[in-house]
């Protein structure tokens, strides 16, 4: 099997995923996946597509991720892995779609408006 590349995005994070046959190792930006994402919930999110499709330990994953925060990066990587697994076998799509892993989350940070502290927060009002 030749390596399959896919792309995942979340907020301002972009993850480029390369999926190839192997023993199930995950590398993120040249570092072991569990070391790059130390929190257990993040590790669960990273491995979730493999658990849902029953392909744990069958593929090696190399992820190049940049931008955003750590949670946005792990969710971008999860979307990229899910897309790559569907490219390998179309039969994986219903299981991944049922858990909402095939959909890009469209939430973005709202821009700050002038005359305000943040996007919607106002400066404190003083009556006197």
C-alpha atoms as a PDB file:
ATOM      1  CA  UNK A   1       0.000   0.000   0.000  1.00  0.00           C
ATOM      2  CA  UNK A   2       1.330   3.413  -0.912  1.00  0.00           C
ATOM      3  CA  UNK A   3       1.093   6.179   1.726  1.00  0.00           C
ATOM      4  CA  UNK A   4      -2.165   8.137   1.798  1.00  0.00           C
ATOM      5  CA  UNK A   5      -2.121  11.847   2.572  1.00  0.00           C
ATOM      6  CA  UNK A   6      -5.036  13.849   3.921  1.00  0.00           C
ATOM      7  CA  UNK A   7      -5.737  17.177   5.540  1.00  0.00           C
ATOM      8  CA  UNK A   8      -7.635  18.107   8.694  1.00  0.00           C
ATOM      9  CA  UNK A   9      -8.504  21.568   9.989  1.00  0.00           C
ATOM     10  CA  UNK A  10      -9.952  22.989  13.207  1.00  0.00           C
ATOM     11  CA  UNK A  11     -10.073  26.708  14.083  1.00  0.00           C
ATOM     12  CA  UNK A  12      -6.636  27.916  12.924  1.00  0.00           C
ATOM     13  CA  UNK A  13      -4.914  24.513  13.173  1.00  0.00           C
ATOM     14  CA  UNK A  14      -3.950  22.565  10.064  1.00  0.00           C
ATOM     15  CA  UNK A  15      -2.878  18.910  10.233  1.00  0.00           C
ATOM     16  CA  UNK A  16      -1.282  17.102   7.293  1.00  0.00           C
ATOM     17  CA  UNK A  17      -1.615  13.345   7.819  1.00  0.00           C
ATOM     18  CA  UNK A  18       0.366  10.568   6.103  1.00  0.00           C
ATOM     19  CA  UNK A  19      -1.085   7.087   6.651  1.00  0.00           C
ATOM     20  CA  UNK A  20       0.924   3.998   5.741  1.00  0.00           C
ATOM     21  CA  UNK A  21       0.876   0.328   6.686  1.00  0.00           C
ATOM     22  CA  UNK A  22       2.767  -0.490   9.857  1.00  0.00           C
ATOM     23  CA  UNK A  23       2.539  -1.389  13.521  1.00  0.00           C
ATOM     24  CA  UNK A  24       0.382   1.489  14.787  1.00  0.00           C
ATOM     25  CA  UNK A  25       2.961   4.121  15.694  1.00  0.00           C
ATOM     26  CA  UNK A  26       1.845   7.756  15.675  1.00  0.00           C
ATOM     27  CA  UNK A  27       4.334  10.589  15.236  1.00  0.00           C
ATOM     28  CA  UNK A  28       3.332  14.253  15.519  1.00  0.00           C
ATOM     29  CA  UNK A  29       5.888  16.814  14.291  1.00  0.00           C
ATOM     30  CA  UNK A  30       8.649  14.206  14.646  1.00  0.00           C
ATOM     31  CA  UNK A  31       7.722  13.373  18.263  1.00  0.00           C
ATOM     32  CA  UNK A  32       5.824  10.359  19.617  1.00  0.00           C
ATOM     33  CA  UNK A  33       2.077  11.097  19.707  1.00  0.00           C
ATOM     34  CA  UNK A  34       1.695  10.420  23.445  1.00  0.00           C
ATOM     35  CA  UNK A  35       4.573  12.798  24.156  1.00  0.00           C
ATOM     36  CA  UNK A  36       3.235  15.611  21.942  1.00  0.00           C
ATOM     37  CA  UNK A  37      -0.319  15.246  23.322  1.00  0.00           C
ATOM     38  CA  UNK A  38       0.286  14.308  27.000  1.00  0.00           C
ATOM     39  CA  UNK A  39      -3.325  14.624  28.244  1.00  0.00           C
ATOM     40  CA  UNK A  40      -5.284  11.348  28.162  1.00  0.00           C
ATOM     41  CA  UNK A  41      -8.374  12.899  26.527  1.00  0.00           C
ATOM     42  CA  UNK A  42      -6.174  14.199  23.710  1.00  0.00           C
ATOM     43  CA  UNK A  43      -4.620  10.749  23.260  1.00  0.00           C
ATOM     44  CA  UNK A  44      -8.118   9.259  23.160  1.00  0.00           C
ATOM     45  CA  UNK A  45      -9.174  11.737  20.455  1.00  0.00           C
ATOM     46  CA  UNK A  46      -6.059  10.914  18.436  1.00  0.00           C
ATOM     47  CA  UNK A  47      -6.797   7.156  18.479  1.00  0.00           C
ATOM     48  CA  UNK A  48     -10.606   7.414  18.240  1.00  0.00           C
ATOM     49  CA  UNK A  49     -10.882   6.890  14.439  1.00  0.00           C
ATOM     50  CA  UNK A  50      -8.849   3.671  14.695  1.00  0.00           C
ATOM     51  CA  UNK A  51     -10.990   2.308  17.553  1.00  0.00           C
ATOM     52  CA  UNK A  52     -14.231   3.031  15.709  1.00  0.00           C
ATOM     53  CA  UNK A  53     -13.060   1.288  12.538  1.00  0.00           C
ATOM     54  CA  UNK A  54     -11.256  -1.578  14.273  1.00  0.00           C
ATOM     55  CA  UNK A  55      -7.919  -0.755  12.639  1.00  0.00           C
ATOM     56  CA  UNK A  56      -5.791  -0.265  15.774  1.00  0.00           C
ATOM     57  CA  UNK A  57      -2.183  -1.288  15.190  1.00  0.00           C
ATOM     58  CA  UNK A  58      -2.531  -1.654  11.408  1.00  0.00           C
ATOM     59  CA  UNK A  59      -1.302   1.751  10.211  1.00  0.00           C
ATOM     60  CA  UNK A  60       1.577   4.089  10.980  1.00  0.00           C
ATOM     61  CA  UNK A  61       0.630   7.750  11.095  1.00  0.00           C
ATOM     62  CA  UNK A  62       2.891  10.736  10.565  1.00  0.00           C
ATOM     63  CA  UNK A  63       1.244  14.079  11.319  1.00  0.00           C
ATOM     64  CA  UNK A  64       2.581  17.551  10.630  1.00  0.00           C
ATOM     65  CA  UNK A  65       0.444  20.018  12.562  1.00  0.00           C
ATOM     66  CA  UNK A  66       0.771  23.773  12.988  1.00  0.00           C
ATOM     67  CA  UNK A  67      -1.257  26.748  14.146  1.00  0.00           C
ATOM     68  CA  UNK A  68      -3.810  27.164  16.899  1.00  0.00           C
ATOM     69  CA  UNK A  69      -3.789  25.591  20.327  1.00  0.00           C
ATOM     70  CA  UNK A  70      -3.236  22.037  21.467  1.00  0.00           C
ATOM     71  CA  UNK A  71      -6.934  21.045  21.429  1.00  0.00           C
ATOM     72  CA  UNK A  72      -7.467  22.478  17.945  1.00  0.00           C
ATOM     73  CA  UNK A  73      -4.392  20.601  16.769  1.00  0.00           C
ATOM     74  CA  UNK A  74      -5.540  17.232  18.117  1.00  0.00           C
ATOM     75  CA  UNK A  75      -9.019  17.670  16.610  1.00  0.00           C
ATOM     76  CA  UNK A  76      -7.502  18.660  13.259  1.00  0.00           C
ATOM     77  CA  UNK A  77      -5.311  15.549  13.405  1.00  0.00           C
ATOM     78  CA  UNK A  78      -8.359  13.401  14.238  1.00  0.00           C
ATOM     79  CA  UNK A  79     -10.222  14.711  11.180  1.00  0.00           C
ATOM     80  CA  UNK A  80      -7.177  14.074   8.970  1.00  0.00           C
ATOM     81  CA  UNK A  81      -6.859  10.494  10.250  1.00  0.00           C
ATOM     82  CA  UNK A  82     -10.569   9.855   9.690  1.00  0.00           C
ATOM     83  CA  UNK A  83     -10.361  11.154   6.108  1.00  0.00           C
ATOM     84  CA  UNK A  84      -7.298   8.998   5.430  1.00  0.00           C
ATOM     85  CA  UNK A  85      -9.052   5.874   6.763  1.00  0.00           C
ATOM     86  CA  UNK A  86     -12.006   6.527   4.447  1.00  0.00           C
ATOM     87  CA  UNK A  87      -9.564   6.867   1.551  1.00  0.00           C
ATOM     88  CA  UNK A  88      -8.171   3.425   2.458  1.00  0.00           C
ATOM     89  CA  UNK A  89     -11.598   1.768   2.708  1.00  0.00           C
ATOM     90  CA  UNK A  90     -14.932   3.444   1.961  1.00  0.00           C
ATOM     91  CA  UNK A  91     -16.661   0.986   4.333  1.00  0.00           C
ATOM     92  CA  UNK A  92     -15.235   2.907   7.322  1.00  0.00           C
ATOM     93  CA  UNK A  93     -17.264   6.018   6.498  1.00  0.00           C
ATOM     94  CA  UNK A  94     -20.612   5.133   8.200  1.00  0.00           C
ATOM     95  CA  UNK A  95     -18.959   4.353  11.548  1.00  0.00           C
ATOM     96  CA  UNK A  96     -16.910   7.563  11.478  1.00  0.00           C
ATOM     97  CA  UNK A  97     -19.827   9.673  10.291  1.00  0.00           C
ATOM     98  CA  UNK A  98     -22.054   8.359  13.088  1.00  0.00           C
ATOM     99  CA  UNK A  99     -19.558   9.746  15.630  1.00  0.00           C
ATOM    100  CA  UNK A 100     -19.336  13.047  13.688  1.00  0.00           C
ATOM    101  CA  UNK A 101     -15.666  12.571  12.808  1.00  0.00           C
ATOM    102  CA  UNK A 102     -16.088  13.248   9.085  1.00  0.00           C
ATOM    103  CA  UNK A 103     -17.387  16.789   9.589  1.00  0.00           C
ATOM    104  CA  UNK A 104     -15.136  19.819   9.919  1.00  0.00           C
ATOM    105  CA  UNK A 105     -16.117  21.852  12.970  1.00  0.00           C
ATOM    106  CA  UNK A 106     -16.905  25.325  11.582  1.00  0.00           C
ATOM    107  CA  UNK A 107     -16.573  27.283  14.849  1.00  0.00           C
ATOM    108  CA  UNK A 108     -14.066  30.117  14.541  1.00  0.00           C
ATOM    109  CA  UNK A 109     -13.105  32.939  16.900  1.00  0.00           C
ATOM    110  CA  UNK A 110     -15.285  35.979  16.364  1.00  0.00           C
ATOM    111  CA  UNK A 111     -13.338  39.110  15.506  1.00  0.00           C
ATOM    112  CA  UNK A 112     -12.940  41.966  17.967  1.00  0.00           C
ATOM    113  CA  UNK A 113     -15.098  45.003  17.232  1.00  0.00           C
ATOM    114  CA  UNK A 114     -13.972  48.593  17.720  1.00  0.00           C
ATOM    115  CA  UNK A 115     -15.260  50.340  20.835  1.00  0.00           C
ATOM    116  CA  UNK A 116     -15.396  47.018  22.703  1.00  0.00           C
ATOM    117  CA  UNK A 117     -12.972  45.098  24.937  1.00  0.00           C
ATOM    118  CA  UNK A 118     -13.474  41.856  23.002  1.00  0.00           C
ATOM    119  CA  UNK A 119     -15.891  40.676  20.320  1.00  0.00           C
ATOM    120  CA  UNK A 120     -18.993  41.328  22.440  1.00  0.00           C
ATOM    121  CA  UNK A 121     -17.781  42.448  25.864  1.00  0.00           C
ATOM    122  CA  UNK A 122     -18.291  46.161  26.524  1.00  0.00           C
ATOM    123  CA  UNK A 123     -16.280  48.558  28.647  1.00  0.00           C
ATOM    124  CA  UNK A 124     -17.710  49.053  32.132  1.00  0.00           C
ATOM    125  CA  UNK A 125     -20.555  51.555  32.204  1.00  0.00           C
ATOM    126  CA  UNK A 126     -20.402  54.263  34.864  1.00  0.00           C
ATOM    127  CA  UNK A 127     -23.637  56.138  35.519  1.00  0.00           C
ATOM    128  CA  UNK A 128     -21.970  58.806  37.660  1.00  0.00           C
END
